[in-house]
């Protein structure tokens, strides 16, 4: 996957999560936040039925993230209609794994030890001066 397509996928997911956050924020002014979270949770599950009458379409990453996040605010096991409790827990674990993978990523190439750098600089100087007698490059 190229970095450009990864960027577009991230922007797609981020925009959908942002819209969900705005909807949630607006719903909190109408009633208690637990009721608003439950309503949005149920709406997200019902959206899965839009494409086909019998089979729900697969949940996208933004939908999974939103459902996993909203499950913190109310008793979500009573509100499940499409998604099994094990599935929601699996999505939550997947999100945590992705977060931890991102958090513990390496910051780049590790530095070369100082003694190896000094040795390389010393070899460079001896090669420039033309002294090849003591260097390992004069093996043949």
C-alpha atoms as a PDB file:
ATOM      1  CA  UNK A   1       0.000   0.000   0.000  1.00  0.00           C
ATOM      2  CA  UNK A   2       1.515   3.312  -1.018  1.00  0.00           C
ATOM      3  CA  UNK A   3       1.835   6.119   1.457  1.00  0.00           C
ATOM      4  CA  UNK A   4      -0.583   8.273  -0.545  1.00  0.00           C
ATOM      5  CA  UNK A   5      -3.347   5.671  -0.448  1.00  0.00           C
ATOM      6  CA  UNK A   6      -2.653   5.123   3.259  1.00  0.00           C
ATOM      7  CA  UNK A   7      -3.020   8.870   3.793  1.00  0.00           C
ATOM      8  CA  UNK A   8      -6.355   8.929   1.937  1.00  0.00           C
ATOM      9  CA  UNK A   9      -7.578   5.930   3.938  1.00  0.00           C
ATOM     10  CA  UNK A  10      -6.588   7.669   7.178  1.00  0.00           C
ATOM     11  CA  UNK A  11      -8.326  10.895   6.129  1.00  0.00           C
ATOM     12  CA  UNK A  12     -11.430   8.908   5.163  1.00  0.00           C
ATOM     13  CA  UNK A  13     -11.513   7.181   8.537  1.00  0.00           C
ATOM     14  CA  UNK A  14     -10.735  10.366  10.449  1.00  0.00           C
ATOM     15  CA  UNK A  15     -13.473  12.322   8.680  1.00  0.00           C
ATOM     16  CA  UNK A  16     -16.077   9.651   9.437  1.00  0.00           C
ATOM     17  CA  UNK A  17     -15.029   9.474  13.074  1.00  0.00           C
ATOM     18  CA  UNK A  18     -15.149  13.280  13.246  1.00  0.00           C
ATOM     19  CA  UNK A  19     -18.687  13.331  11.833  1.00  0.00           C
ATOM     20  CA  UNK A  20     -19.716  10.681  14.352  1.00  0.00           C
ATOM     21  CA  UNK A  21     -18.202  12.772  17.129  1.00  0.00           C
ATOM     22  CA  UNK A  22     -20.154  15.829  15.953  1.00  0.00           C
ATOM     23  CA  UNK A  23     -23.389  13.832  15.860  1.00  0.00           C
ATOM     24  CA  UNK A  24     -22.720  12.524  19.347  1.00  0.00           C
ATOM     25  CA  UNK A  25     -21.945  16.028  20.589  1.00  0.00           C
ATOM     26  CA  UNK A  26     -25.199  17.362  19.148  1.00  0.00           C
ATOM     27  CA  UNK A  27     -27.188  14.485  20.636  1.00  0.00           C
ATOM     28  CA  UNK A  28     -25.842  15.160  24.120  1.00  0.00           C
ATOM     29  CA  UNK A  29     -27.695  18.496  24.177  1.00  0.00           C
ATOM     30  CA  UNK A  30     -31.042  16.808  23.532  1.00  0.00           C
ATOM     31  CA  UNK A  31     -30.916  14.346  26.396  1.00  0.00           C
ATOM     32  CA  UNK A  32     -28.556  12.467  28.673  1.00  0.00           C
ATOM     33  CA  UNK A  33     -25.288  11.384  27.104  1.00  0.00           C
ATOM     34  CA  UNK A  34     -25.986   7.734  27.808  1.00  0.00           C
ATOM     35  CA  UNK A  35     -29.172   7.904  25.752  1.00  0.00           C
ATOM     36  CA  UNK A  36     -27.409   9.763  22.960  1.00  0.00           C
ATOM     37  CA  UNK A  37     -24.600   7.223  22.848  1.00  0.00           C
ATOM     38  CA  UNK A  38     -27.089   4.385  22.770  1.00  0.00           C
ATOM     39  CA  UNK A  39     -29.066   6.007  19.954  1.00  0.00           C
ATOM     40  CA  UNK A  40     -25.961   6.521  17.834  1.00  0.00           C
ATOM     41  CA  UNK A  41     -24.857   2.985  18.636  1.00  0.00           C
ATOM     42  CA  UNK A  42     -28.153   1.616  17.377  1.00  0.00           C
ATOM     43  CA  UNK A  43     -28.102   3.848  14.302  1.00  0.00           C
ATOM     44  CA  UNK A  44     -24.649   2.578  13.361  1.00  0.00           C
ATOM     45  CA  UNK A  45     -25.852  -1.006  13.568  1.00  0.00           C
ATOM     46  CA  UNK A  46     -28.936  -0.262  11.476  1.00  0.00           C
ATOM     47  CA  UNK A  47     -26.817   1.432   8.801  1.00  0.00           C
ATOM     48  CA  UNK A  48     -25.208  -1.960   8.261  1.00  0.00           C
ATOM     49  CA  UNK A  49     -28.564  -3.169   6.852  1.00  0.00           C
ATOM     50  CA  UNK A  50     -28.910  -0.415   4.238  1.00  0.00           C
ATOM     51  CA  UNK A  51     -27.098  -2.119   1.394  1.00  0.00           C
ATOM     52  CA  UNK A  52     -28.984  -5.427   1.559  1.00  0.00           C
ATOM     53  CA  UNK A  53     -32.231  -6.363   3.223  1.00  0.00           C
ATOM     54  CA  UNK A  54     -31.034  -9.620   4.758  1.00  0.00           C
ATOM     55  CA  UNK A  55     -27.247  -9.418   5.048  1.00  0.00           C
ATOM     56  CA  UNK A  56     -25.563  -6.450   6.698  1.00  0.00           C
ATOM     57  CA  UNK A  57     -22.526  -5.056   4.943  1.00  0.00           C
ATOM     58  CA  UNK A  58     -19.191  -5.335   6.636  1.00  0.00           C
ATOM     59  CA  UNK A  59     -18.428  -2.684   9.201  1.00  0.00           C
ATOM     60  CA  UNK A  60     -15.766  -0.219   8.129  1.00  0.00           C
ATOM     61  CA  UNK A  61     -12.940   0.869  10.398  1.00  0.00           C
ATOM     62  CA  UNK A  62     -14.646   4.180  11.333  1.00  0.00           C
ATOM     63  CA  UNK A  63     -17.831   2.313  12.301  1.00  0.00           C
ATOM     64  CA  UNK A  64     -15.856  -0.188  14.364  1.00  0.00           C
ATOM     65  CA  UNK A  65     -13.953   2.593  16.129  1.00  0.00           C
ATOM     66  CA  UNK A  66     -17.148   4.518  16.877  1.00  0.00           C
ATOM     67  CA  UNK A  67     -18.977   1.476  18.227  1.00  0.00           C
ATOM     68  CA  UNK A  68     -16.036   0.452  20.399  1.00  0.00           C
ATOM     69  CA  UNK A  69     -15.665   3.986  21.768  1.00  0.00           C
ATOM     70  CA  UNK A  70     -19.388   4.509  22.420  1.00  0.00           C
ATOM     71  CA  UNK A  71     -19.591   1.225  24.291  1.00  0.00           C
ATOM     72  CA  UNK A  72     -17.903   2.958  27.232  1.00  0.00           C
ATOM     73  CA  UNK A  73     -20.884   5.193  27.952  1.00  0.00           C
ATOM     74  CA  UNK A  74     -23.758   2.774  28.490  1.00  0.00           C
ATOM     75  CA  UNK A  75     -24.673  -0.863  28.977  1.00  0.00           C
ATOM     76  CA  UNK A  76     -23.989  -1.876  25.379  1.00  0.00           C
ATOM     77  CA  UNK A  77     -24.779  -5.585  25.698  1.00  0.00           C
ATOM     78  CA  UNK A  78     -28.508  -4.792  25.873  1.00  0.00           C
ATOM     79  CA  UNK A  79     -28.383  -2.645  22.729  1.00  0.00           C
ATOM     80  CA  UNK A  80     -26.662  -5.104  20.384  1.00  0.00           C
ATOM     81  CA  UNK A  81     -28.790  -6.115  17.423  1.00  0.00           C
ATOM     82  CA  UNK A  82     -26.354  -6.932  14.615  1.00  0.00           C
ATOM     83  CA  UNK A  83     -22.991  -7.226  16.292  1.00  0.00           C
ATOM     84  CA  UNK A  84     -22.258  -9.990  18.782  1.00  0.00           C
ATOM     85  CA  UNK A  85     -20.633  -9.035  22.087  1.00  0.00           C
ATOM     86  CA  UNK A  86     -17.539 -11.068  21.194  1.00  0.00           C
ATOM     87  CA  UNK A  87     -17.202  -9.112  17.953  1.00  0.00           C
ATOM     88  CA  UNK A  88     -17.314  -5.765  19.726  1.00  0.00           C
ATOM     89  CA  UNK A  89     -14.721  -6.933  22.237  1.00  0.00           C
ATOM     90  CA  UNK A  90     -12.532  -8.172  19.355  1.00  0.00           C
ATOM     91  CA  UNK A  91     -12.802  -4.760  17.650  1.00  0.00           C
ATOM     92  CA  UNK A  92     -11.820  -3.047  20.881  1.00  0.00           C
ATOM     93  CA  UNK A  93      -8.776  -5.317  21.239  1.00  0.00           C
ATOM     94  CA  UNK A  94      -7.823  -4.725  17.598  1.00  0.00           C
ATOM     95  CA  UNK A  95      -7.962  -0.976  18.187  1.00  0.00           C
ATOM     96  CA  UNK A  96      -5.761  -1.305  21.260  1.00  0.00           C
ATOM     97  CA  UNK A  97      -3.280  -3.458  19.307  1.00  0.00           C
ATOM     98  CA  UNK A  98      -3.135  -0.851  16.544  1.00  0.00           C
ATOM     99  CA  UNK A  99      -2.654   1.913  19.095  1.00  0.00           C
ATOM    100  CA  UNK A 100       0.113   0.022  20.881  1.00  0.00           C
ATOM    101  CA  UNK A 101       1.808  -0.822  17.567  1.00  0.00           C
ATOM    102  CA  UNK A 102       1.753   2.865  16.643  1.00  0.00           C
ATOM    103  CA  UNK A 103       2.948   3.940  20.097  1.00  0.00           C
ATOM    104  CA  UNK A 104       5.874   1.503  20.212  1.00  0.00           C
ATOM    105  CA  UNK A 105       7.090   2.006  16.636  1.00  0.00           C
ATOM    106  CA  UNK A 106      10.772   2.649  16.145  1.00  0.00           C
ATOM    107  CA  UNK A 107      11.849   6.217  15.620  1.00  0.00           C
ATOM    108  CA  UNK A 108      14.175   5.379  12.743  1.00  0.00           C
ATOM    109  CA  UNK A 109      17.429   3.683  12.060  1.00  0.00           C
ATOM    110  CA  UNK A 110      19.470   3.012  15.221  1.00  0.00           C
ATOM    111  CA  UNK A 111      22.701   4.964  15.563  1.00  0.00           C
ATOM    112  CA  UNK A 112      25.983   3.330  14.691  1.00  0.00           C
ATOM    113  CA  UNK A 113      28.207   2.953  17.777  1.00  0.00           C
ATOM    114  CA  UNK A 114      30.873   5.636  18.224  1.00  0.00           C
ATOM    115  CA  UNK A 115      33.802   3.187  18.057  1.00  0.00           C
ATOM    116  CA  UNK A 116      32.603   1.857  14.682  1.00  0.00           C
ATOM    117  CA  UNK A 117      32.255   5.417  13.351  1.00  0.00           C
ATOM    118  CA  UNK A 118      35.797   6.247  14.492  1.00  0.00           C
ATOM    119  CA  UNK A 119      37.098   3.098  12.818  1.00  0.00           C
ATOM    120  CA  UNK A 120      35.398   3.983   9.534  1.00  0.00           C
ATOM    121  CA  UNK A 121      36.804   7.523   9.640  1.00  0.00           C
ATOM    122  CA  UNK A 122      40.283   6.117  10.363  1.00  0.00           C
ATOM    123  CA  UNK A 123      40.035   3.701   7.411  1.00  0.00           C
ATOM    124  CA  UNK A 124      38.907   6.552   5.180  1.00  0.00           C
ATOM    125  CA  UNK A 125      41.924   8.636   6.119  1.00  0.00           C
ATOM    126  CA  UNK A 126      44.379   5.797   5.528  1.00  0.00           C
ATOM    127  CA  UNK A 127      42.831   5.062   2.121  1.00  0.00           C
ATOM    128  CA  UNK A 128      43.063   8.735   1.118  1.00  0.00           C
ATOM    129  CA  UNK A 129      46.729   8.858   2.150  1.00  0.00           C
ATOM    130  CA  UNK A 130      47.442   5.703   0.213  1.00  0.00           C
ATOM    131  CA  UNK A 131      48.644   3.673   3.189  1.00  0.00           C
ATOM    132  CA  UNK A 132      47.206   0.269   2.500  1.00  0.00           C
ATOM    133  CA  UNK A 133      49.711  -1.887   4.365  1.00  0.00           C
ATOM    134  CA  UNK A 134      47.916  -2.142   7.680  1.00  0.00           C
ATOM    135  CA  UNK A 135      44.337  -1.916   6.496  1.00  0.00           C
ATOM    136  CA  UNK A 136      41.998  -4.861   6.069  1.00  0.00           C
ATOM    137  CA  UNK A 137      41.333  -3.742   2.497  1.00  0.00           C
ATOM    138  CA  UNK A 138      44.812  -4.964   1.522  1.00  0.00           C
ATOM    139  CA  UNK A 139      43.945  -8.615   1.918  1.00  0.00           C
ATOM    140  CA  UNK A 140      44.829  -9.842  -1.592  1.00  0.00           C
END
